[in-house]
Amino acid sequence: MGRLSVDLCGIELDNPVIPASGTFGYGYEFAELYDVNILGTFSFKGTTREPRFGNPTPRIADCPAGMLNAVGLQNPGVDRVIDTELPRLARVFHKPVMANVSGFSLEEYAEVCARLDPLPQIGWLEVNISCPNVHGGGMSFGTDPAAAASVVRAVKAVTTKPVIIKLTPNVTDIAAVAKACEDAGADGISLINTLLGMRIDLRTRKPLLANTTGGLSGPAVFPVALRMVWQAAHAVKIPVVGMGGVSGAEDVLEMLMAGAAAVEVGAANLIDPWACKKIIEALPAAMDRYGIKTLRELSRAR
């Protein structure tokens, strides 16, 4: 048990730093740059039952202190992930990986989770009920406590893996949604996904994104994310994975002090592919500056 180690749903991580889904591919791409086994784990690209091309382009727009994206869950589908992506990952990453699962119905969530459940490579199922960039599913489940609970029950019925429900910030009462997920049997929650936003091209007078709206991420959302992690962590007893605008070691410490058990890093990976490695390497010095002996003491202080 090291100084940086933490526990996430009964599985020990060497450190709390987890690249977020959609910003780290299926991991092996980053293994060409550095040894990805330095990570606590990572959440791979959001996976659906069928392959998805995603939204039309343009899908990305810049904005102050962040970015907007409307990728739309582009992925090769669960069969391809099982047959091709995960075997490639196994050659370079030797820890349990977090599987991010998306869907458009209770049946799809359950089917994809059931397909992934037998794989020993999978440590956790992160079930995304919070994507703001698709129509007819995703965030519609995450904005209502009863709908969120229905997803939890459907998934828990088909899996033995720890189920972490990824929540949307686009709600008025995050604590109510978090508590509904806990009551329905979730093993953990993660938050926040992106905030809904848009930009307009002044020359064309039309939205910059083909989808009109997209998800805002980056340092601009960090204070909102920290507030929601605090509220959720004080509403439930299950572990919380905090994310949203994390870009440095001190951000990680703030998230842990707010009640997070582990921390996901998203947009920072798109700006600097070595971001997570740098954060992990900077954590001991940051802990020394604030008199923190081990990260577990922050969890105990919650």
C-alpha atoms as a PDB file:
ATOM      1  CA  MET A   1       0.000   0.000   0.000  1.00  0.00           C
ATOM      2  CA  GLY A   2       1.760   3.112  -1.246  1.00  0.00           C
ATOM      3  CA  ARG A   3       1.491   6.745  -0.328  1.00  0.00           C
ATOM      4  CA  LEU A   4      -0.636   7.509  -3.401  1.00  0.00           C
ATOM      5  CA  SER A   5      -2.809   4.395  -3.295  1.00  0.00           C
ATOM      6  CA  VAL A   6      -6.591   4.569  -2.969  1.00  0.00           C
ATOM      7  CA  ASP A   7      -9.486   2.119  -2.967  1.00  0.00           C
ATOM      8  CA  LEU A   8     -12.215   2.237  -5.605  1.00  0.00           C
ATOM      9  CA  CYS A   9     -15.137  -0.114  -4.984  1.00  0.00           C
ATOM     10  CA  GLY A  10     -12.899  -2.679  -3.336  1.00  0.00           C
ATOM     11  CA  ILE A  11     -10.129  -2.574  -5.955  1.00  0.00           C
ATOM     12  CA  GLU A  12      -6.859  -0.918  -4.946  1.00  0.00           C
ATOM     13  CA  LEU A  13      -5.366   1.658  -7.304  1.00  0.00           C
ATOM     14  CA  ASP A  14      -1.692   2.632  -7.180  1.00  0.00           C
ATOM     15  CA  ASN A  15      -2.859   6.240  -7.431  1.00  0.00           C
ATOM     16  CA  PRO A  16      -6.202   8.029  -7.961  1.00  0.00           C
ATOM     17  CA  VAL A  17      -5.489   9.367 -11.472  1.00  0.00           C
ATOM     18  CA  ILE A  18      -7.799   7.954 -14.184  1.00  0.00           C
ATOM     19  CA  PRO A  19      -7.940   9.270 -17.764  1.00  0.00           C
ATOM     20  CA  ALA A  20     -11.594   9.909 -18.567  1.00  0.00           C
ATOM     21  CA  SER A  21     -13.596   8.131 -21.230  1.00  0.00           C
ATOM     22  CA  GLY A  22     -13.424   9.693 -24.668  1.00  0.00           C
ATOM     23  CA  THR A  23     -10.046  11.322 -24.030  1.00  0.00           C
ATOM     24  CA  PHE A  24      -7.798   8.244 -23.920  1.00  0.00           C
ATOM     25  CA  GLY A  25      -9.105   5.985 -26.687  1.00  0.00           C
ATOM     26  CA  TYR A  26      -8.584   2.335 -25.797  1.00  0.00           C
ATOM     27  CA  GLY A  27      -5.282   3.036 -24.075  1.00  0.00           C
ATOM     28  CA  TYR A  28      -2.810   1.425 -26.431  1.00  0.00           C
ATOM     29  CA  GLU A  29      -2.537   4.659 -28.450  1.00  0.00           C
ATOM     30  CA  PHE A  30      -1.031   6.389 -25.405  1.00  0.00           C
ATOM     31  CA  ALA A  31       1.190   3.384 -24.661  1.00  0.00           C
ATOM     32  CA  GLU A  32       3.272   4.493 -27.635  1.00  0.00           C
ATOM     33  CA  LEU A  33       4.178   7.619 -25.631  1.00  0.00           C
ATOM     34  CA  TYR A  34       4.753   6.285 -22.095  1.00  0.00           C
ATOM     35  CA  ASP A  35       4.151   3.260 -19.863  1.00  0.00           C
ATOM     36  CA  VAL A  36       0.420   3.549 -19.190  1.00  0.00           C
ATOM     37  CA  ASN A  37       0.739   1.177 -16.222  1.00  0.00           C
ATOM     38  CA  ILE A  38       1.738   4.260 -14.232  1.00  0.00           C
ATOM     39  CA  LEU A  39      -1.989   5.156 -14.198  1.00  0.00           C
ATOM     40  CA  GLY A  40      -4.406   4.129 -11.467  1.00  0.00           C
ATOM     41  CA  THR A  41      -6.547   2.837 -14.321  1.00  0.00           C
ATOM     42  CA  PHE A  42      -8.381   4.479 -17.220  1.00  0.00           C
ATOM     43  CA  SER A  43     -11.912   4.587 -18.578  1.00  0.00           C
ATOM     44  CA  PHE A  44     -11.995   3.514 -22.198  1.00  0.00           C
ATOM     45  CA  LYS A  45     -14.028   5.081 -24.978  1.00  0.00           C
ATOM     46  CA  GLY A  46     -17.802   4.996 -24.490  1.00  0.00           C
ATOM     47  CA  THR A  47     -19.132   1.742 -25.951  1.00  0.00           C
ATOM     48  CA  THR A  48     -22.592   1.013 -27.351  1.00  0.00           C
ATOM     49  CA  ARG A  49     -24.229  -2.152 -28.684  1.00  0.00           C
ATOM     50  CA  GLU A  50     -23.864  -1.201 -32.348  1.00  0.00           C
ATOM     51  CA  PRO A  51     -21.037   0.716 -34.039  1.00  0.00           C
ATOM     52  CA  ARG A  52     -21.618   4.474 -34.165  1.00  0.00           C
ATOM     53  CA  PHE A  53     -20.102   6.984 -36.562  1.00  0.00           C
ATOM     54  CA  GLY A  54     -21.063   9.824 -34.246  1.00  0.00           C
ATOM     55  CA  ASN A  55     -22.325  13.300 -35.051  1.00  0.00           C
ATOM     56  CA  PRO A  56     -21.641  15.241 -38.256  1.00  0.00           C
ATOM     57  CA  THR A  57     -18.639  17.558 -38.337  1.00  0.00           C
ATOM     58  CA  PRO A  58     -17.592  20.061 -37.123  1.00  0.00           C
ATOM     59  CA  ARG A  59     -17.634  18.408 -33.706  1.00  0.00           C
ATOM     60  CA  ILE A  60     -15.144  20.564 -31.777  1.00  0.00           C
ATOM     61  CA  ALA A  61     -15.126  24.270 -30.929  1.00  0.00           C
ATOM     62  CA  ASP A  62     -12.715  26.326 -28.845  1.00  0.00           C
ATOM     63  CA  CYS A  63     -13.859  28.588 -26.033  1.00  0.00           C
ATOM     64  CA  PRO A  64     -12.131  30.476 -23.215  1.00  0.00           C
ATOM     65  CA  ALA A  65     -10.588  28.099 -20.649  1.00  0.00           C
ATOM     66  CA  GLY A  66     -12.075  25.027 -22.303  1.00  0.00           C
ATOM     67  CA  MET A  67     -13.580  23.399 -25.347  1.00  0.00           C
ATOM     68  CA  LEU A  68     -16.927  22.227 -26.697  1.00  0.00           C
ATOM     69  CA  ASN A  69     -17.336  18.775 -28.174  1.00  0.00           C
ATOM     70  CA  ALA A  70     -20.234  16.998 -29.838  1.00  0.00           C
ATOM     71  CA  VAL A  71     -18.549  13.775 -30.957  1.00  0.00           C
ATOM     72  CA  GLY A  72     -21.705  11.745 -30.357  1.00  0.00           C
ATOM     73  CA  LEU A  73     -20.336   8.485 -28.922  1.00  0.00           C
ATOM     74  CA  GLN A  74     -18.364   7.405 -31.985  1.00  0.00           C
ATOM     75  CA  ASN A  75     -17.200   3.844 -31.281  1.00  0.00           C
ATOM     76  CA  PRO A  76     -16.834   0.474 -33.032  1.00  0.00           C
ATOM     77  CA  GLY A  77     -19.525  -1.313 -31.005  1.00  0.00           C
ATOM     78  CA  VAL A  78     -19.187  -3.819 -28.181  1.00  0.00           C
ATOM     79  CA  ASP A  79     -18.332  -6.833 -30.395  1.00  0.00           C
ATOM     80  CA  ARG A  80     -15.341  -5.061 -31.907  1.00  0.00           C
ATOM     81  CA  VAL A  81     -14.245  -3.805 -28.486  1.00  0.00           C
ATOM     82  CA  ILE A  82     -14.261  -7.357 -27.097  1.00  0.00           C
ATOM     83  CA  ASP A  83     -12.687  -9.026 -30.133  1.00  0.00           C
ATOM     84  CA  THR A  84     -10.105  -6.406 -31.144  1.00  0.00           C
ATOM     85  CA  GLU A  85      -9.633  -3.429 -28.822  1.00  0.00           C
ATOM     86  CA  LEU A  86      -9.303  -5.228 -25.492  1.00  0.00           C
ATOM     87  CA  PRO A  87      -6.825  -7.871 -26.731  1.00  0.00           C
ATOM     88  CA  ARG A  88      -4.641  -5.047 -28.106  1.00  0.00           C
ATOM     89  CA  LEU A  89      -4.893  -3.241 -24.765  1.00  0.00           C
ATOM     90  CA  ALA A  90      -3.921  -6.388 -22.829  1.00  0.00           C
ATOM     91  CA  ARG A  91      -0.522  -6.348 -24.500  1.00  0.00           C
ATOM     92  CA  VAL A  92       0.373  -2.973 -22.957  1.00  0.00           C
ATOM     93  CA  PHE A  93      -1.835  -2.463 -19.862  1.00  0.00           C
ATOM     94  CA  HIS A  94      -1.708  -4.998 -17.053  1.00  0.00           C
ATOM     95  CA  LYS A  95      -4.240  -3.617 -14.592  1.00  0.00           C
ATOM     96  CA  PRO A  96      -8.045  -3.786 -14.454  1.00  0.00           C
ATOM     97  CA  VAL A  97      -9.566  -1.276 -16.870  1.00  0.00           C
ATOM     98  CA  MET A  98     -12.788   0.706 -16.488  1.00  0.00           C
ATOM     99  CA  ALA A  99     -15.341   0.031 -19.233  1.00  0.00           C
ATOM    100  CA  ASN A 100     -17.509   3.020 -20.136  1.00  0.00           C
ATOM    101  CA  VAL A 101     -20.941   1.916 -21.376  1.00  0.00           C
ATOM    102  CA  SER A 102     -23.551   4.038 -23.136  1.00  0.00           C
ATOM    103  CA  GLY A 103     -27.011   3.197 -24.401  1.00  0.00           C
ATOM    104  CA  PHE A 104     -30.335   4.399 -25.735  1.00  0.00           C
ATOM    105  CA  SER A 105     -32.578   2.040 -23.775  1.00  0.00           C
ATOM    106  CA  LEU A 106     -32.537  -0.029 -20.608  1.00  0.00           C
ATOM    107  CA  GLU A 107     -32.165  -3.136 -22.758  1.00  0.00           C
ATOM    108  CA  GLU A 108     -29.089  -1.775 -24.514  1.00  0.00           C
ATOM    109  CA  TYR A 109     -27.369  -0.768 -21.276  1.00  0.00           C
ATOM    110  CA  ALA A 110     -28.050  -4.209 -19.834  1.00  0.00           C
ATOM    111  CA  GLU A 111     -26.946  -6.081 -22.959  1.00  0.00           C
ATOM    112  CA  VAL A 112     -23.631  -4.252 -23.302  1.00  0.00           C
ATOM    113  CA  CYS A 113     -22.855  -4.665 -19.594  1.00  0.00           C
ATOM    114  CA  ALA A 114     -23.741  -8.363 -19.755  1.00  0.00           C
ATOM    115  CA  ARG A 115     -21.353  -8.805 -22.693  1.00  0.00           C
ATOM    116  CA  LEU A 116     -18.500  -7.129 -20.820  1.00  0.00           C
ATOM    117  CA  ASP A 117     -19.167  -8.711 -17.422  1.00  0.00           C
ATOM    118  CA  PRO A 118     -17.330 -12.052 -17.963  1.00  0.00           C
ATOM    119  CA  LEU A 119     -14.071 -10.385 -19.029  1.00  0.00           C
ATOM    120  CA  PRO A 120     -11.447 -10.527 -16.251  1.00  0.00           C
ATOM    121  CA  GLN A 121      -9.740  -7.534 -17.877  1.00  0.00           C
ATOM    122  CA  ILE A 122     -12.690  -5.328 -16.868  1.00  0.00           C
ATOM    123  CA  GLY A 123     -12.545  -4.033 -13.296  1.00  0.00           C
ATOM    124  CA  TRP A 124     -15.494  -1.632 -13.245  1.00  0.00           C
ATOM    125  CA  LEU A 125     -18.448  -0.736 -15.450  1.00  0.00           C
ATOM    126  CA  GLU A 126     -18.852   3.033 -15.726  1.00  0.00           C
ATOM    127  CA  VAL A 127     -22.394   3.444 -17.031  1.00  0.00           C
ATOM    128  CA  ASN A 128     -22.835   6.765 -18.790  1.00  0.00           C
ATOM    129  CA  ILE A 129     -26.317   8.223 -18.305  1.00  0.00           C
ATOM    130  CA  SER A 130     -25.040  11.731 -18.919  1.00  0.00           C
ATOM    131  CA  CYS A 131     -23.963  12.304 -22.514  1.00  0.00           C
ATOM    132  CA  PRO A 132     -25.356  15.661 -23.750  1.00  0.00           C
ATOM    133  CA  ASN A 133     -24.430  15.099 -27.394  1.00  0.00           C
ATOM    134  CA  VAL A 134     -26.781  12.331 -28.520  1.00  0.00           C
ATOM    135  CA  HIS A 135     -30.492  12.319 -29.150  1.00  0.00           C
ATOM    136  CA  GLY A 136     -32.982   9.789 -27.812  1.00  0.00           C
ATOM    137  CA  GLY A 137     -30.884   8.493 -24.938  1.00  0.00           C
ATOM    138  CA  GLY A 138     -27.870   9.242 -22.784  1.00  0.00           C
ATOM    139  CA  MET A 139     -28.585  12.313 -20.708  1.00  0.00           C
ATOM    140  CA  SER A 140     -32.345  11.713 -20.687  1.00  0.00           C
ATOM    141  CA  PHE A 141     -31.773   8.938 -18.133  1.00  0.00           C
ATOM    142  CA  GLY A 142     -29.497  11.065 -15.974  1.00  0.00           C
ATOM    143  CA  THR A 143     -31.754  14.071 -15.507  1.00  0.00           C
ATOM    144  CA  ASP A 144     -34.462  12.212 -13.559  1.00  0.00           C
ATOM    145  CA  PRO A 145     -33.755  10.278 -10.333  1.00  0.00           C
ATOM    146  CA  ALA A 146     -36.320   7.558 -11.129  1.00  0.00           C
ATOM    147  CA  ALA A 147     -34.952   7.033 -14.655  1.00  0.00           C
ATOM    148  CA  ALA A 148     -31.387   6.911 -13.333  1.00  0.00           C
ATOM    149  CA  ALA A 149     -32.413   4.291 -10.779  1.00  0.00           C
ATOM    150  CA  SER A 150     -34.034   2.188 -13.502  1.00  0.00           C
ATOM    151  CA  VAL A 151     -30.720   2.014 -15.385  1.00  0.00           C
ATOM    152  CA  VAL A 152     -28.915   0.964 -12.212  1.00  0.00           C
ATOM    153  CA  ARG A 153     -31.366  -1.859 -11.546  1.00  0.00           C
ATOM    154  CA  ALA A 154     -31.216  -3.078 -15.157  1.00  0.00           C
ATOM    155  CA  VAL A 155     -27.423  -3.212 -15.139  1.00  0.00           C
ATOM    156  CA  LYS A 156     -27.005  -4.655 -11.649  1.00  0.00           C
ATOM    157  CA  ALA A 157     -29.273  -7.551 -12.646  1.00  0.00           C
ATOM    158  CA  VAL A 158     -26.774  -8.751 -15.270  1.00  0.00           C
ATOM    159  CA  THR A 159     -23.329  -8.055 -13.814  1.00  0.00           C
ATOM    160  CA  THR A 160     -21.123  -8.922 -10.879  1.00  0.00           C
ATOM    161  CA  LYS A 161     -18.702  -6.062 -11.582  1.00  0.00           C
ATOM    162  CA  PRO A 162     -18.780  -2.835  -9.552  1.00  0.00           C
ATOM    163  CA  VAL A 163     -21.171  -0.460 -11.318  1.00  0.00           C
ATOM    164  CA  ILE A 164     -20.268   3.239 -11.324  1.00  0.00           C
ATOM    165  CA  ILE A 165     -22.975   5.532 -12.709  1.00  0.00           C
ATOM    166  CA  LYS A 166     -21.708   8.613 -14.577  1.00  0.00           C
ATOM    167  CA  LEU A 167     -23.941  11.588 -13.830  1.00  0.00           C
ATOM    168  CA  THR A 168     -24.765  14.738 -15.762  1.00  0.00           C
ATOM    169  CA  PRO A 169     -24.275  18.210 -14.260  1.00  0.00           C
ATOM    170  CA  ASN A 170     -27.231  19.489 -16.280  1.00  0.00           C
ATOM    171  CA  VAL A 171     -29.659  19.060 -13.379  1.00  0.00           C
ATOM    172  CA  THR A 172     -30.904  21.217 -10.519  1.00  0.00           C
ATOM    173  CA  ASP A 173     -30.387  18.655  -7.717  1.00  0.00           C
ATOM    174  CA  ILE A 174     -27.349  16.420  -8.215  1.00  0.00           C
ATOM    175  CA  ALA A 175     -27.674  14.979  -4.699  1.00  0.00           C
ATOM    176  CA  ALA A 176     -31.138  13.585  -5.458  1.00  0.00           C
ATOM    177  CA  VAL A 177     -29.906  11.756  -8.560  1.00  0.00           C
ATOM    178  CA  ALA A 178     -26.843  10.421  -6.727  1.00  0.00           C
ATOM    179  CA  LYS A 179     -28.972   9.152  -3.829  1.00  0.00           C
ATOM    180  CA  ALA A 180     -31.440   7.477  -6.205  1.00  0.00           C
ATOM    181  CA  CYS A 181     -28.551   5.602  -7.838  1.00  0.00           C
ATOM    182  CA  GLU A 182     -27.203   4.508  -4.459  1.00  0.00           C
ATOM    183  CA  ASP A 183     -30.629   3.336  -3.308  1.00  0.00           C
ATOM    184  CA  ALA A 184     -31.026   1.318  -6.531  1.00  0.00           C
ATOM    185  CA  GLY A 185     -27.777  -0.551  -5.858  1.00  0.00           C
ATOM    186  CA  ALA A 186     -25.005   1.414  -7.603  1.00  0.00           C
ATOM    187  CA  ASP A 187     -21.530   0.665  -6.268  1.00  0.00           C
ATOM    188  CA  GLY A 188     -20.262   4.164  -7.049  1.00  0.00           C
ATOM    189  CA  ILE A 189     -20.960   7.324  -9.021  1.00  0.00           C
ATOM    190  CA  SER A 190     -18.773   9.499 -11.218  1.00  0.00           C
ATOM    191  CA  LEU A 191     -19.274  13.155 -12.073  1.00  0.00           C
ATOM    192  CA  ILE A 192     -19.369  15.514 -13.768  1.00  0.00           C
ATOM    193  CA  ASN A 193     -19.826  14.927 -17.451  1.00  0.00           C
ATOM    194  CA  THR A 194     -19.728  18.018 -19.641  1.00  0.00           C
ATOM    195  CA  LEU A 195     -21.950  21.062 -19.250  1.00  0.00           C
ATOM    196  CA  LEU A 196     -24.242  21.822 -22.162  1.00  0.00           C
ATOM    197  CA  GLY A 197     -23.094  24.839 -24.173  1.00  0.00           C
ATOM    198  CA  MET A 198     -22.768  26.355 -27.643  1.00  0.00           C
ATOM    199  CA  ARG A 199     -20.860  28.902 -29.757  1.00  0.00           C
ATOM    200  CA  ILE A 200     -21.958  30.925 -32.801  1.00  0.00           C
ATOM    201  CA  ASP A 201     -19.799  31.769 -35.810  1.00  0.00           C
ATOM    202  CA  LEU A 202     -20.101  35.549 -36.192  1.00  0.00           C
ATOM    203  CA  ARG A 203     -19.361  35.377 -39.905  1.00  0.00           C
ATOM    204  CA  THR A 204     -21.990  32.775 -40.823  1.00  0.00           C
ATOM    205  CA  ARG A 205     -24.316  33.637 -37.916  1.00  0.00           C
ATOM    206  CA  LYS A 206     -24.782  29.917 -37.348  1.00  0.00           C
ATOM    207  CA  PRO A 207     -23.711  27.570 -34.531  1.00  0.00           C
ATOM    208  CA  LEU A 208     -20.088  26.464 -34.788  1.00  0.00           C
ATOM    209  CA  LEU A 209     -21.036  22.853 -34.069  1.00  0.00           C
ATOM    210  CA  ALA A 210     -23.061  20.843 -36.572  1.00  0.00           C
ATOM    211  CA  ASN A 211     -24.967  19.466 -33.568  1.00  0.00           C
ATOM    212  CA  THR A 212     -25.741  23.087 -32.505  1.00  0.00           C
ATOM    213  CA  THR A 213     -24.869  22.356 -28.869  1.00  0.00           C
ATOM    214  CA  GLY A 214     -22.020  20.448 -27.302  1.00  0.00           C
ATOM    215  CA  GLY A 215     -20.408  19.581 -24.002  1.00  0.00           C
ATOM    216  CA  LEU A 216     -18.202  22.168 -22.297  1.00  0.00           C
ATOM    217  CA  SER A 217     -15.084  20.771 -20.634  1.00  0.00           C
ATOM    218  CA  GLY A 218     -11.730  22.098 -19.455  1.00  0.00           C
ATOM    219  CA  PRO A 219     -10.594  24.328 -16.549  1.00  0.00           C
ATOM    220  CA  ALA A 220     -13.682  26.541 -16.879  1.00  0.00           C
ATOM    221  CA  VAL A 221     -15.902  23.821 -15.403  1.00  0.00           C
ATOM    222  CA  PHE A 222     -13.666  22.858 -12.446  1.00  0.00           C
ATOM    223  CA  PRO A 223     -15.430  24.971  -9.769  1.00  0.00           C
ATOM    224  CA  VAL A 224     -18.828  23.617 -10.847  1.00  0.00           C
ATOM    225  CA  ALA A 225     -17.493  20.063 -10.848  1.00  0.00           C
ATOM    226  CA  LEU A 226     -15.934  20.470  -7.408  1.00  0.00           C
ATOM    227  CA  ARG A 227     -19.190  21.814  -5.989  1.00  0.00           C
ATOM    228  CA  MET A 228     -21.201  18.915  -7.415  1.00  0.00           C
ATOM    229  CA  VAL A 229     -18.689  16.309  -6.219  1.00  0.00           C
ATOM    230  CA  TRP A 230     -18.937  17.825  -2.730  1.00  0.00           C
ATOM    231  CA  GLN A 231     -22.745  17.701  -2.813  1.00  0.00           C
ATOM    232  CA  ALA A 232     -22.877  14.145  -4.153  1.00  0.00           C
ATOM    233  CA  ALA A 233     -20.225  12.836  -1.776  1.00  0.00           C
ATOM    234  CA  HIS A 234     -22.128  14.226   1.195  1.00  0.00           C
ATOM    235  CA  ALA A 235     -25.396  12.704  -0.028  1.00  0.00           C
ATOM    236  CA  VAL A 236     -24.194   9.109  -0.489  1.00  0.00           C
ATOM    237  CA  LYS A 237     -21.975   6.551   1.225  1.00  0.00           C
ATOM    238  CA  ILE A 238     -20.742   4.851  -1.973  1.00  0.00           C
ATOM    239  CA  PRO A 239     -17.480   5.994  -3.611  1.00  0.00           C
ATOM    240  CA  VAL A 240     -17.490   9.073  -5.832  1.00  0.00           C
ATOM    241  CA  VAL A 241     -15.136   9.546  -8.784  1.00  0.00           C
ATOM    242  CA  GLY A 242     -14.637  13.266  -9.372  1.00  0.00           C
ATOM    243  CA  MET A 243     -13.887  14.872 -12.715  1.00  0.00           C
ATOM    244  CA  GLY A 244     -14.372  18.064 -14.661  1.00  0.00           C
ATOM    245  CA  GLY A 245     -11.596  20.494 -15.541  1.00  0.00           C
ATOM    246  CA  VAL A 246      -8.856  18.657 -13.620  1.00  0.00           C
ATOM    247  CA  SER A 247      -5.497  19.683 -15.064  1.00  0.00           C
ATOM    248  CA  GLY A 248      -2.936  19.472 -12.241  1.00  0.00           C
ATOM    249  CA  ALA A 249      -1.937  17.692  -9.039  1.00  0.00           C
ATOM    250  CA  GLU A 250      -3.514  20.336  -6.819  1.00  0.00           C
ATOM    251  CA  ASP A 251      -6.834  19.901  -8.641  1.00  0.00           C
ATOM    252  CA  VAL A 252      -6.651  16.206  -7.753  1.00  0.00           C
ATOM    253  CA  LEU A 253      -6.117  17.061  -4.089  1.00  0.00           C
ATOM    254  CA  GLU A 254      -9.097  19.433  -4.122  1.00  0.00           C
ATOM    255  CA  MET A 255     -11.299  16.730  -5.617  1.00  0.00           C
ATOM    256  CA  LEU A 256     -10.215  14.249  -2.947  1.00  0.00           C
ATOM    257  CA  MET A 257     -10.839  16.827  -0.217  1.00  0.00           C
ATOM    258  CA  ALA A 258     -14.325  17.385  -1.667  1.00  0.00           C
ATOM    259  CA  GLY A 259     -15.059  13.699  -1.125  1.00  0.00           C
ATOM    260  CA  ALA A 260     -13.856  11.919  -4.244  1.00  0.00           C
ATOM    261  CA  ALA A 261     -12.293   8.465  -3.911  1.00  0.00           C
ATOM    262  CA  ALA A 262     -10.502   8.824  -7.268  1.00  0.00           C
ATOM    263  CA  VAL A 263     -10.223  11.472  -9.983  1.00  0.00           C
ATOM    264  CA  GLU A 264     -10.680  11.336 -13.744  1.00  0.00           C
ATOM    265  CA  VAL A 265      -8.775  13.652 -16.088  1.00  0.00           C
ATOM    266  CA  GLY A 266     -10.445  14.478 -19.389  1.00  0.00           C
ATOM    267  CA  ALA A 267      -9.787  17.474 -21.646  1.00  0.00           C
ATOM    268  CA  ALA A 268      -6.235  17.875 -20.325  1.00  0.00           C
ATOM    269  CA  ASN A 269      -5.285  14.680 -22.209  1.00  0.00           C
ATOM    270  CA  LEU A 270      -6.367  16.282 -25.478  1.00  0.00           C
ATOM    271  CA  ILE A 271      -4.137  19.292 -24.853  1.00  0.00           C
ATOM    272  CA  ASP A 272      -1.141  17.355 -23.522  1.00  0.00           C
ATOM    273  CA  PRO A 273      -1.053  13.562 -24.010  1.00  0.00           C
ATOM    274  CA  TRP A 274       1.405  13.296 -21.093  1.00  0.00           C
ATOM    275  CA  ALA A 275      -0.953  15.182 -18.736  1.00  0.00           C
ATOM    276  CA  CYS A 276      -1.851  12.238 -16.494  1.00  0.00           C
ATOM    277  CA  LYS A 277       1.750  11.081 -16.220  1.00  0.00           C
ATOM    278  CA  LYS A 278       2.807  14.593 -15.186  1.00  0.00           C
ATOM    279  CA  ILE A 279       0.006  14.834 -12.615  1.00  0.00           C
ATOM    280  CA  ILE A 280       0.972  11.519 -11.011  1.00  0.00           C
ATOM    281  CA  GLU A 281       4.624  12.523 -10.867  1.00  0.00           C
ATOM    282  CA  ALA A 282       3.718  15.902  -9.327  1.00  0.00           C
ATOM    283  CA  LEU A 283       1.416  14.497  -6.630  1.00  0.00           C
ATOM    284  CA  PRO A 284       4.066  13.696  -3.950  1.00  0.00           C
ATOM    285  CA  ALA A 285       5.480  17.237  -3.989  1.00  0.00           C
ATOM    286  CA  ALA A 286       1.958  18.714  -3.902  1.00  0.00           C
ATOM    287  CA  MET A 287       1.121  16.496  -0.923  1.00  0.00           C
ATOM    288  CA  ASP A 288       4.291  17.654   0.854  1.00  0.00           C
ATOM    289  CA  ARG A 289       3.318  21.310   0.373  1.00  0.00           C
ATOM    290  CA  TYR A 290       0.048  20.742   2.211  1.00  0.00           C
ATOM    291  CA  GLY A 291       1.216  18.284   4.853  1.00  0.00           C
ATOM    292  CA  ILE A 292      -0.567  15.268   3.401  1.00  0.00           C
ATOM    293  CA  LYS A 293       1.179  11.995   4.264  1.00  0.00           C
ATOM    294  CA  THR A 294      -1.100   9.631   2.328  1.00  0.00           C
ATOM    295  CA  LEU A 295      -4.065  10.152   0.030  1.00  0.00           C
ATOM    296  CA  ARG A 296      -6.116   7.686   2.045  1.00  0.00           C
ATOM    297  CA  GLU A 297      -6.149  10.123   4.970  1.00  0.00           C
ATOM    298  CA  LEU A 298      -8.183  12.505   2.802  1.00  0.00           C
ATOM    299  CA  SER A 299     -10.796   9.795   2.267  1.00  0.00           C
ATOM    300  CA  ARG A 300     -10.938   9.068   5.990  1.00  0.00           C
ATOM    301  CA  ALA A 301     -11.452  12.782   6.694  1.00  0.00           C
ATOM    302  CA  ARG A 302     -14.602  12.925   4.532  1.00  0.00           C
END
